[in-house]
Amino acid sequence: MSPSDKPLVWLHSEVKSPPFSAAARLEAGYLLRRLQRGEKLSMPQSRPMPSIVAGCHELRITDEHKIWRVIYRIDNDAIVIPELFEKKTTKTPRPIIDICKARLRMYDNESE
């Protein structure tokens, strides 16, 4: 990691095998590294999630038999990851949105 790369701040979960396949774990790591280096990702790898909070996005990882989402926010000093989950429906479940909001709010309050 270069000194100019933003660190990843995991508020919950982690990318590991299992449950991720090795290929999906590598893809997630590759996309997170690109974010750390300051790249802006767009569809199909990343999609904005303003329903959580401004600046939130989801990484879209397709695994062998599962679809994963990594919710992240790009801050000035870090990539903050409040949640990682297996997506089973077309919409992000309301409890996931609510927990992401709560974790980011708590992180912001502790960072002040």
Protein backbone atom coordinates (compact mmCIF):
# COMPACT_ATOMS: atom_id res chain seq x y z
CA MET A 1 0.00 0.00 0.00
CA SER A 2 1.33 3.39 -0.98
CA PRO A 3 1.40 6.16 1.65
CA SER A 4 -1.05 8.09 -0.54
CA ASP A 5 -3.59 5.24 -0.53
CA LYS A 6 -6.60 5.71 1.73
CA PRO A 7 -6.94 3.04 4.42
CA LEU A 8 -10.01 0.81 4.59
CA VAL A 9 -12.06 1.26 7.76
CA TRP A 10 -14.23 -1.82 8.30
CA LEU A 11 -17.16 -1.06 10.61
CA HIS A 12 -18.52 -4.59 10.16
CA SER A 13 -17.68 -7.81 8.30
CA GLU A 14 -14.72 -8.64 6.09
CA VAL A 15 -14.04 -10.19 2.70
CA LYS A 16 -12.81 -13.73 3.26
CA SER A 17 -13.09 -17.21 1.80
CA PRO A 18 -15.48 -18.78 2.64
CA PRO A 19 -18.15 -17.49 2.21
CA PHE A 20 -16.63 -15.67 -0.80
CA SER A 21 -15.09 -17.86 -3.49
CA ALA A 22 -11.40 -17.18 -4.07
CA ALA A 23 -12.22 -15.42 -7.37
CA ALA A 24 -14.87 -13.17 -5.76
CA ARG A 25 -12.50 -12.31 -2.88
CA LEU A 26 -9.81 -11.31 -5.38
CA GLU A 27 -12.28 -9.19 -7.35
CA ALA A 28 -13.44 -7.42 -4.19
CA GLY A 29 -9.84 -6.80 -3.15
CA TYR A 30 -8.96 -5.45 -6.59
CA LEU A 31 -11.92 -3.05 -6.60
CA LEU A 32 -11.21 -1.88 -3.04
CA ARG A 33 -7.56 -1.25 -3.96
CA ARG A 34 -8.71 0.90 -6.90
CA LEU A 35 -10.88 2.93 -4.52
CA GLN A 36 -7.97 3.32 -2.11
CA ARG A 37 -5.89 4.77 -4.94
CA GLY A 38 -8.52 7.41 -5.63
CA GLU A 39 -10.28 5.91 -8.67
CA LYS A 40 -13.98 6.59 -9.07
CA LEU A 41 -15.84 3.42 -9.98
CA SER A 42 -19.16 3.30 -11.80
CA MET A 43 -21.54 0.71 -13.20
CA PRO A 44 -21.29 -2.20 -13.42
CA GLN A 45 -18.75 -2.39 -10.54
CA SER A 46 -20.24 0.30 -8.32
CA ARG A 47 -23.55 2.08 -7.88
CA PRO A 48 -24.44 5.14 -5.78
CA MET A 49 -26.56 4.48 -2.68
CA PRO A 50 -27.92 7.93 -1.69
CA SER A 51 -30.71 6.20 0.26
CA ILE A 52 -28.07 5.46 2.92
CA VAL A 53 -26.24 8.78 2.96
CA ALA A 54 -24.73 11.16 0.41
CA GLY A 55 -21.49 9.73 -0.94
CA CYS A 56 -22.39 6.09 -0.20
CA HIS A 57 -21.99 3.43 -2.88
CA GLU A 58 -22.16 -0.32 -3.22
CA LEU A 59 -19.55 -2.53 -4.84
CA ARG A 60 -21.21 -5.23 -6.90
CA ILE A 61 -19.44 -8.60 -6.72
CA THR A 62 -20.84 -11.60 -8.57
CA ASP A 63 -19.71 -14.90 -7.11
CA GLU A 64 -20.22 -18.43 -8.40
CA HIS A 65 -23.72 -18.79 -6.95
CA LYS A 66 -24.15 -15.59 -4.95
CA ILE A 67 -24.25 -11.86 -5.40
CA TRP A 68 -22.35 -9.77 -2.83
CA ARG A 69 -22.58 -6.10 -1.99
CA VAL A 70 -19.97 -4.06 -0.15
CA ILE A 71 -21.40 -0.76 1.06
CA TYR A 72 -18.76 1.97 1.23
CA ARG A 73 -18.31 5.71 1.60
CA ILE A 74 -15.30 7.64 0.39
CA ASP A 75 -14.12 10.08 3.05
CA ASN A 76 -11.21 12.51 2.74
CA ASP A 77 -8.99 10.23 4.82
CA ALA A 78 -10.40 6.71 4.35
CA ILE A 79 -12.75 4.31 2.61
CA VAL A 80 -15.38 3.52 5.26
CA ILE A 81 -17.20 0.17 4.94
CA PRO A 82 -20.29 -0.17 7.15
CA GLU A 83 -21.61 -3.44 5.72
CA LEU A 84 -21.07 -6.38 3.43
CA PHE A 85 -23.94 -8.70 2.60
CA GLU A 86 -25.27 -11.31 0.21
CA LYS A 87 -27.90 -9.75 -2.00
CA LYS A 88 -30.93 -11.99 -2.49
CA THR A 89 -33.50 -9.52 -3.84
CA THR A 90 -33.48 -6.67 -6.36
CA LYS A 91 -33.85 -4.03 -3.63
CA THR A 92 -31.48 -3.50 -0.76
CA PRO A 93 -33.34 -4.65 2.38
CA ARG A 94 -34.45 -1.83 4.68
CA PRO A 95 -32.63 -3.31 7.71
CA ILE A 96 -29.33 -3.13 5.76
CA ILE A 97 -29.94 0.53 4.91
CA ASP A 98 -30.82 1.32 8.53
CA ILE A 99 -27.77 -0.44 10.00
CA CYS A 100 -25.47 1.30 7.52
CA LYS A 101 -26.91 4.68 8.50
CA ALA A 102 -26.48 3.89 12.19
CA ARG A 103 -22.89 2.63 11.80
CA LEU A 104 -21.85 5.64 9.72
CA ARG A 105 -23.52 8.03 12.18
CA MET A 106 -21.67 6.36 15.07
CA TYR A 107 -18.38 6.46 13.14
CA ASP A 108 -18.85 10.16 12.34
CA ASN A 109 -19.67 10.97 15.98
CA GLU A 110 -16.57 9.14 17.21
CA SER A 111 -14.40 10.85 14.58
CA GLU A 112 -15.37 14.39 15.64
